Amino acid sequence: MARILRPKVVILPDEAAVPPDRLVTPAPTRFTHRLVRTQAFYFDRAEDAAPAGRLPSGTEVVLLSHEGGRFCRVVDGRGLHVETACAGLEPIAGDRAPSRRPSRRASRR
């Protein structure tokens, strides 16, 4: 019988844990934007915190909110709900935001 080799146990620091209120379940399967470059993300407001990690270029996300500043809230495919720089996002081709005016079909009677 083959011998099983187990990796050495490593205990991660508390900072490595994702806060439970920063995980969305179920994680999204449809996305609105993609990151054009690798960039930092934050669990708390970006202006008040150190980066919690980095999202790689090409990561698809759902844009949840943007209040006009440099940063916006997104959720990635793992369900990670974070704040990141809006300048690094591009809409996914074919994705359209809902129109604020009624469609012609809806306005006809």
N, C-alpha and C. Protein backbone atom coordinates (compact mmCIF):
# COMPACT_ATOMS: atom_id res chain seq x y z
N MET A 1 0.84 -1.17 0.00
CA MET A 1 0.00 0.00 0.00
C MET A 1 0.89 1.24 0.00
N ALA A 2 0.51 2.24 -0.79
CA ALA A 2 1.29 3.47 -0.90
C ALA A 2 1.17 4.30 0.37
N ARG A 3 2.24 4.95 0.69
CA ARG A 3 2.26 5.79 1.88
C ARG A 3 1.64 7.15 1.56
N ILE A 4 0.81 7.68 2.44
CA ILE A 4 0.16 8.98 2.22
C ILE A 4 1.03 10.07 2.82
N LEU A 5 1.37 11.05 2.01
CA LEU A 5 2.14 12.20 2.48
C LEU A 5 1.19 13.36 2.73
N ARG A 6 1.22 13.89 3.91
CA ARG A 6 0.34 15.01 4.25
C ARG A 6 1.17 16.29 4.32
N PRO A 7 0.58 17.39 3.85
CA PRO A 7 1.32 18.66 3.94
C PRO A 7 1.42 19.13 5.38
N LYS A 8 2.43 19.95 5.63
CA LYS A 8 2.60 20.51 6.96
C LYS A 8 1.42 21.44 7.27
N VAL A 9 0.90 21.38 8.47
CA VAL A 9 -0.23 22.21 8.89
C VAL A 9 0.25 23.65 9.08
N VAL A 10 -0.51 24.58 8.49
CA VAL A 10 -0.19 25.99 8.63
C VAL A 10 -1.42 26.69 9.18
N ILE A 11 -1.26 27.42 10.26
CA ILE A 11 -2.36 28.19 10.85
C ILE A 11 -2.28 29.60 10.30
N LEU A 12 -3.35 30.03 9.63
CA LEU A 12 -3.37 31.37 9.05
C LEU A 12 -3.70 32.40 10.12
N PRO A 13 -3.22 33.65 9.93
CA PRO A 13 -3.56 34.70 10.88
C PRO A 13 -5.03 35.10 10.77
N ASP A 14 -5.55 35.75 11.80
CA ASP A 14 -6.95 36.18 11.81
C ASP A 14 -7.28 37.06 10.61
N GLU A 15 -6.32 37.85 10.13
CA GLU A 15 -6.56 38.75 8.99
C GLU A 15 -6.89 37.98 7.71
N ALA A 16 -6.56 36.68 7.66
CA ALA A 16 -6.81 35.88 6.47
C ALA A 16 -8.27 35.47 6.33
N ALA A 17 -9.03 35.56 7.40
CA ALA A 17 -10.44 35.16 7.37
C ALA A 17 -11.30 36.22 6.70
N VAL A 18 -12.26 35.77 5.92
CA VAL A 18 -13.22 36.68 5.29
C VAL A 18 -14.36 36.91 6.27
N PRO A 19 -14.66 38.19 6.58
CA PRO A 19 -15.78 38.44 7.49
C PRO A 19 -17.08 37.86 6.92
N PRO A 20 -17.89 37.20 7.74
CA PRO A 20 -19.12 36.57 7.24
C PRO A 20 -20.07 37.54 6.54
N ASP A 21 -20.08 38.80 6.96
CA ASP A 21 -20.97 39.77 6.32
C ASP A 21 -20.44 40.25 4.98
N ARG A 22 -19.29 39.74 4.54
CA ARG A 22 -18.72 40.09 3.24
C ARG A 22 -18.81 38.94 2.25
N LEU A 23 -19.62 37.92 2.58
CA LEU A 23 -19.86 36.81 1.66
C LEU A 23 -21.33 36.77 1.28
N VAL A 24 -21.59 36.69 0.00
CA VAL A 24 -22.96 36.60 -0.52
C VAL A 24 -23.21 35.16 -0.93
N THR A 25 -24.29 34.58 -0.43
CA THR A 25 -24.64 33.22 -0.83
C THR A 25 -26.10 33.20 -1.28
N PRO A 26 -26.40 32.58 -2.36
CA PRO A 26 -25.45 31.97 -3.29
C PRO A 26 -24.69 33.05 -4.06
N ALA A 27 -23.50 32.69 -4.49
CA ALA A 27 -22.67 33.61 -5.28
C ALA A 27 -23.34 33.85 -6.63
N PRO A 28 -23.15 35.04 -7.21
CA PRO A 28 -23.78 35.32 -8.50
C PRO A 28 -23.22 34.45 -9.62
N THR A 29 -24.04 34.23 -10.63
CA THR A 29 -23.62 33.47 -11.81
C THR A 29 -23.68 34.34 -13.07
N ARG A 30 -24.28 35.51 -12.97
CA ARG A 30 -24.32 36.47 -14.07
C ARG A 30 -23.62 37.73 -13.61
N PHE A 31 -22.85 38.35 -14.51
CA PHE A 31 -22.00 39.46 -14.13
C PHE A 31 -22.22 40.67 -15.03
N THR A 32 -21.94 41.85 -14.49
CA THR A 32 -22.16 43.09 -15.24
C THR A 32 -20.86 43.74 -15.69
N HIS A 33 -19.77 43.48 -14.98
CA HIS A 33 -18.49 44.14 -15.27
C HIS A 33 -17.32 43.18 -15.15
N ARG A 34 -16.18 43.61 -15.71
CA ARG A 34 -14.94 42.83 -15.65
C ARG A 34 -13.81 43.78 -15.25
N LEU A 35 -12.87 43.30 -14.46
CA LEU A 35 -11.71 44.12 -14.10
C LEU A 35 -10.73 44.17 -15.26
N VAL A 36 -10.27 45.36 -15.59
CA VAL A 36 -9.33 45.52 -16.70
C VAL A 36 -7.89 45.39 -16.23
N ARG A 37 -7.68 45.43 -14.92
CA ARG A 37 -6.34 45.28 -14.36
C ARG A 37 -6.46 44.68 -12.96
N THR A 38 -5.38 44.12 -12.47
CA THR A 38 -5.36 43.63 -11.10
C THR A 38 -5.43 44.84 -10.17
N GLN A 39 -6.29 44.76 -9.17
CA GLN A 39 -6.42 45.90 -8.26
C GLN A 39 -6.82 45.45 -6.87
N ALA A 40 -6.57 46.34 -5.92
CA ALA A 40 -6.85 46.06 -4.51
C ALA A 40 -8.34 46.06 -4.25
N PHE A 41 -8.73 45.27 -3.22
CA PHE A 41 -10.10 45.35 -2.73
C PHE A 41 -10.07 45.55 -1.23
N TYR A 42 -11.19 46.04 -0.70
CA TYR A 42 -11.30 46.40 0.70
C TYR A 42 -12.60 45.83 1.25
N PHE A 43 -12.57 45.34 2.50
CA PHE A 43 -13.80 44.89 3.14
C PHE A 43 -14.57 46.08 3.67
N ASP A 44 -13.85 47.08 4.18
CA ASP A 44 -14.48 48.29 4.70
C ASP A 44 -14.28 49.41 3.70
N ARG A 45 -14.68 50.61 4.05
CA ARG A 45 -14.51 51.75 3.15
C ARG A 45 -13.04 51.91 2.80
N ALA A 46 -12.75 52.02 1.52
CA ALA A 46 -11.37 52.06 1.04
C ALA A 46 -10.57 53.20 1.64
N GLU A 47 -11.21 54.34 1.87
CA GLU A 47 -10.49 55.49 2.42
C GLU A 47 -10.04 55.24 3.86
N ASP A 48 -10.70 54.32 4.55
CA ASP A 48 -10.45 54.10 5.97
C ASP A 48 -9.66 52.83 6.28
N ALA A 49 -9.30 52.05 5.29
CA ALA A 49 -8.73 50.73 5.59
C ALA A 49 -7.56 50.40 4.67
N ALA A 50 -6.78 49.44 5.11
CA ALA A 50 -5.71 48.89 4.28
C ALA A 50 -6.34 47.86 3.34
N PRO A 51 -5.75 47.63 2.15
CA PRO A 51 -6.31 46.62 1.25
C PRO A 51 -6.38 45.25 1.93
N ALA A 52 -7.48 44.54 1.67
CA ALA A 52 -7.66 43.20 2.23
C ALA A 52 -7.13 42.14 1.27
N GLY A 53 -6.90 42.54 0.03
CA GLY A 53 -6.40 41.59 -0.97
C GLY A 53 -6.43 42.22 -2.34
N ARG A 54 -6.27 41.38 -3.38
CA ARG A 54 -6.25 41.86 -4.76
C ARG A 54 -7.16 40.99 -5.61
N LEU A 55 -7.88 41.63 -6.51
CA LEU A 55 -8.70 40.93 -7.50
C LEU A 55 -7.89 40.90 -8.80
N PRO A 56 -7.71 39.73 -9.41
CA PRO A 56 -6.91 39.66 -10.63
C PRO A 56 -7.62 40.26 -11.84
N SER A 57 -6.84 40.72 -12.78
CA SER A 57 -7.37 41.22 -14.04
C SER A 57 -8.25 40.16 -14.69
N GLY A 58 -9.38 40.58 -15.24
CA GLY A 58 -10.30 39.65 -15.89
C GLY A 58 -11.38 39.12 -14.98
N THR A 59 -11.30 39.39 -13.66
CA THR A 59 -12.33 38.93 -12.73
C THR A 59 -13.67 39.54 -13.10
N GLU A 60 -14.69 38.71 -13.22
CA GLU A 60 -16.04 39.20 -13.51
C GLU A 60 -16.76 39.47 -12.20
N VAL A 61 -17.47 40.60 -12.15
CA VAL A 61 -18.15 41.02 -10.93
C VAL A 61 -19.53 41.57 -11.26
N VAL A 62 -20.35 41.67 -10.23
CA VAL A 62 -21.63 42.36 -10.32
C VAL A 62 -21.44 43.70 -9.63
N LEU A 63 -21.70 44.79 -10.32
CA LEU A 63 -21.62 46.11 -9.72
C LEU A 63 -22.87 46.32 -8.88
N LEU A 64 -22.69 46.48 -7.56
CA LEU A 64 -23.82 46.65 -6.65
C LEU A 64 -24.16 48.11 -6.42
N SER A 65 -23.14 48.94 -6.21
CA SER A 65 -23.41 50.35 -5.96
C SER A 65 -22.20 51.21 -6.30
N HIS A 66 -22.50 52.42 -6.73
CA HIS A 66 -21.47 53.42 -7.00
C HIS A 66 -22.09 54.76 -6.67
N GLU A 67 -21.56 55.41 -5.65
CA GLU A 67 -22.15 56.65 -5.18
C GLU A 67 -21.41 57.87 -5.71
N GLY A 68 -20.72 57.73 -6.83
CA GLY A 68 -20.08 58.85 -7.48
C GLY A 68 -18.63 59.08 -7.10
N GLY A 69 -18.09 58.36 -6.14
CA GLY A 69 -16.69 58.52 -5.75
C GLY A 69 -15.78 57.64 -6.58
N ARG A 70 -14.56 57.49 -6.10
CA ARG A 70 -13.58 56.66 -6.81
C ARG A 70 -13.84 55.17 -6.63
N PHE A 71 -14.58 54.79 -5.59
CA PHE A 71 -14.76 53.38 -5.27
C PHE A 71 -16.21 52.95 -5.41
N CYS A 72 -16.41 51.64 -5.64
CA CYS A 72 -17.76 51.08 -5.75
C CYS A 72 -17.77 49.71 -5.08
N ARG A 73 -18.98 49.20 -4.81
CA ARG A 73 -19.15 47.89 -4.18
C ARG A 73 -19.46 46.87 -5.27
N VAL A 74 -18.79 45.72 -5.20
CA VAL A 74 -18.98 44.65 -6.18
C VAL A 74 -19.04 43.31 -5.47
N VAL A 75 -19.54 42.29 -6.19
CA VAL A 75 -19.51 40.90 -5.73
C VAL A 75 -18.90 40.07 -6.85
N ASP A 76 -17.94 39.22 -6.52
CA ASP A 76 -17.33 38.37 -7.54
C ASP A 76 -17.99 36.99 -7.56
N GLY A 77 -17.49 36.10 -8.38
CA GLY A 77 -18.06 34.77 -8.56
C GLY A 77 -17.94 33.85 -7.36
N ARG A 78 -17.12 34.23 -6.38
CA ARG A 78 -17.01 33.45 -5.15
C ARG A 78 -17.98 33.96 -4.09
N GLY A 79 -18.64 35.08 -4.40
CA GLY A 79 -19.55 35.68 -3.44
C GLY A 79 -18.89 36.70 -2.55
N LEU A 80 -17.66 37.10 -2.88
CA LEU A 80 -16.92 38.07 -2.10
C LEU A 80 -17.46 39.47 -2.37
N HIS A 81 -18.03 40.10 -1.34
CA HIS A 81 -18.66 41.42 -1.43
C HIS A 81 -17.66 42.45 -0.90
N VAL A 82 -17.09 43.27 -1.82
CA VAL A 82 -15.99 44.15 -1.46
C VAL A 82 -16.13 45.51 -2.13
N GLU A 83 -15.25 46.42 -1.73
CA GLU A 83 -15.15 47.73 -2.36
C GLU A 83 -13.85 47.75 -3.16
N THR A 84 -13.91 48.32 -4.37
CA THR A 84 -12.73 48.41 -5.23
C THR A 84 -12.84 49.66 -6.10
N ALA A 85 -11.78 50.01 -6.78
CA ALA A 85 -11.75 51.21 -7.62
C ALA A 85 -12.64 51.02 -8.85
N CYS A 86 -13.53 51.97 -9.09
CA CYS A 86 -14.43 51.89 -10.24
C CYS A 86 -13.70 52.07 -11.57
N ALA A 87 -12.60 52.81 -11.55
CA ALA A 87 -11.85 53.06 -12.79
C ALA A 87 -11.33 51.78 -13.41
N GLY A 88 -11.19 50.72 -12.64
CA GLY A 88 -10.68 49.45 -13.16
C GLY A 88 -11.75 48.51 -13.67
N LEU A 89 -13.00 48.98 -13.75
CA LEU A 89 -14.11 48.14 -14.24
C LEU A 89 -14.51 48.54 -15.64
N GLU A 90 -14.88 47.54 -16.44
CA GLU A 90 -15.48 47.82 -17.74
C GLU A 90 -16.73 46.97 -17.87
N PRO A 91 -17.79 47.51 -18.48
CA PRO A 91 -19.00 46.71 -18.68
C PRO A 91 -18.70 45.50 -19.55
N ILE A 92 -19.35 44.40 -19.27
CA ILE A 92 -19.21 43.20 -20.09
C ILE A 92 -20.03 43.42 -21.35
N ALA A 93 -19.46 43.14 -22.50
CA ALA A 93 -20.15 43.34 -23.79
C ALA A 93 -21.49 42.62 -23.79
N GLY A 94 -22.49 43.31 -24.29
CA GLY A 94 -23.83 42.73 -24.36
C GLY A 94 -24.65 42.97 -23.12
N ASP A 95 -24.01 43.44 -22.05
CA ASP A 95 -24.74 43.72 -20.82
C ASP A 95 -25.29 45.14 -20.92
N ARG A 96 -26.57 45.28 -20.67
CA ARG A 96 -27.19 46.59 -20.74
C ARG A 96 -27.85 46.90 -19.41
N ALA A 97 -27.60 48.11 -18.95
CA ALA A 97 -28.27 48.56 -17.73
C ALA A 97 -29.72 48.83 -18.08
N PRO A 98 -30.66 48.62 -17.14
CA PRO A 98 -32.05 48.91 -17.42
C PRO A 98 -32.25 50.38 -17.74
N SER A 99 -33.06 50.64 -18.73
CA SER A 99 -33.34 52.01 -19.13
C SER A 99 -34.23 52.69 -18.10
N ARG A 100 -34.02 53.99 -17.90
CA ARG A 100 -34.84 54.74 -16.95
C ARG A 100 -36.12 55.24 -17.59
N ARG A 101 -36.19 55.22 -18.90
CA ARG A 101 -37.43 55.65 -19.55
C ARG A 101 -38.17 54.43 -20.06
N PRO A 102 -39.49 54.50 -20.13
CA PRO A 102 -40.24 53.32 -20.57
C PRO A 102 -39.96 53.02 -22.02
N SER A 103 -40.03 51.74 -22.35
CA SER A 103 -39.82 51.34 -23.74
C SER A 103 -41.03 51.78 -24.57
N ARG A 104 -40.86 51.83 -25.90
CA ARG A 104 -41.96 52.24 -26.76
C ARG A 104 -43.14 51.30 -26.63
N ARG A 105 -42.85 50.03 -26.52
CA ARG A 105 -43.92 49.04 -26.40
C ARG A 105 -44.73 49.31 -25.13
N ALA A 106 -44.06 49.62 -24.03
CA ALA A 106 -44.76 49.84 -22.77
C ALA A 106 -45.59 51.12 -22.79
N SER A 107 -45.19 52.11 -23.62
CA SER A 107 -45.91 53.39 -23.61
C SER A 107 -47.08 53.41 -24.58
N ARG A 108 -47.15 52.44 -25.50
CA ARG A 108 -48.28 52.40 -26.46
C ARG A 108 -49.50 51.80 -25.81
N ARG A 109 -50.65 52.26 -26.26
CA ARG A 109 -51.90 51.69 -25.74
C ARG A 109 -52.79 51.26 -26.85
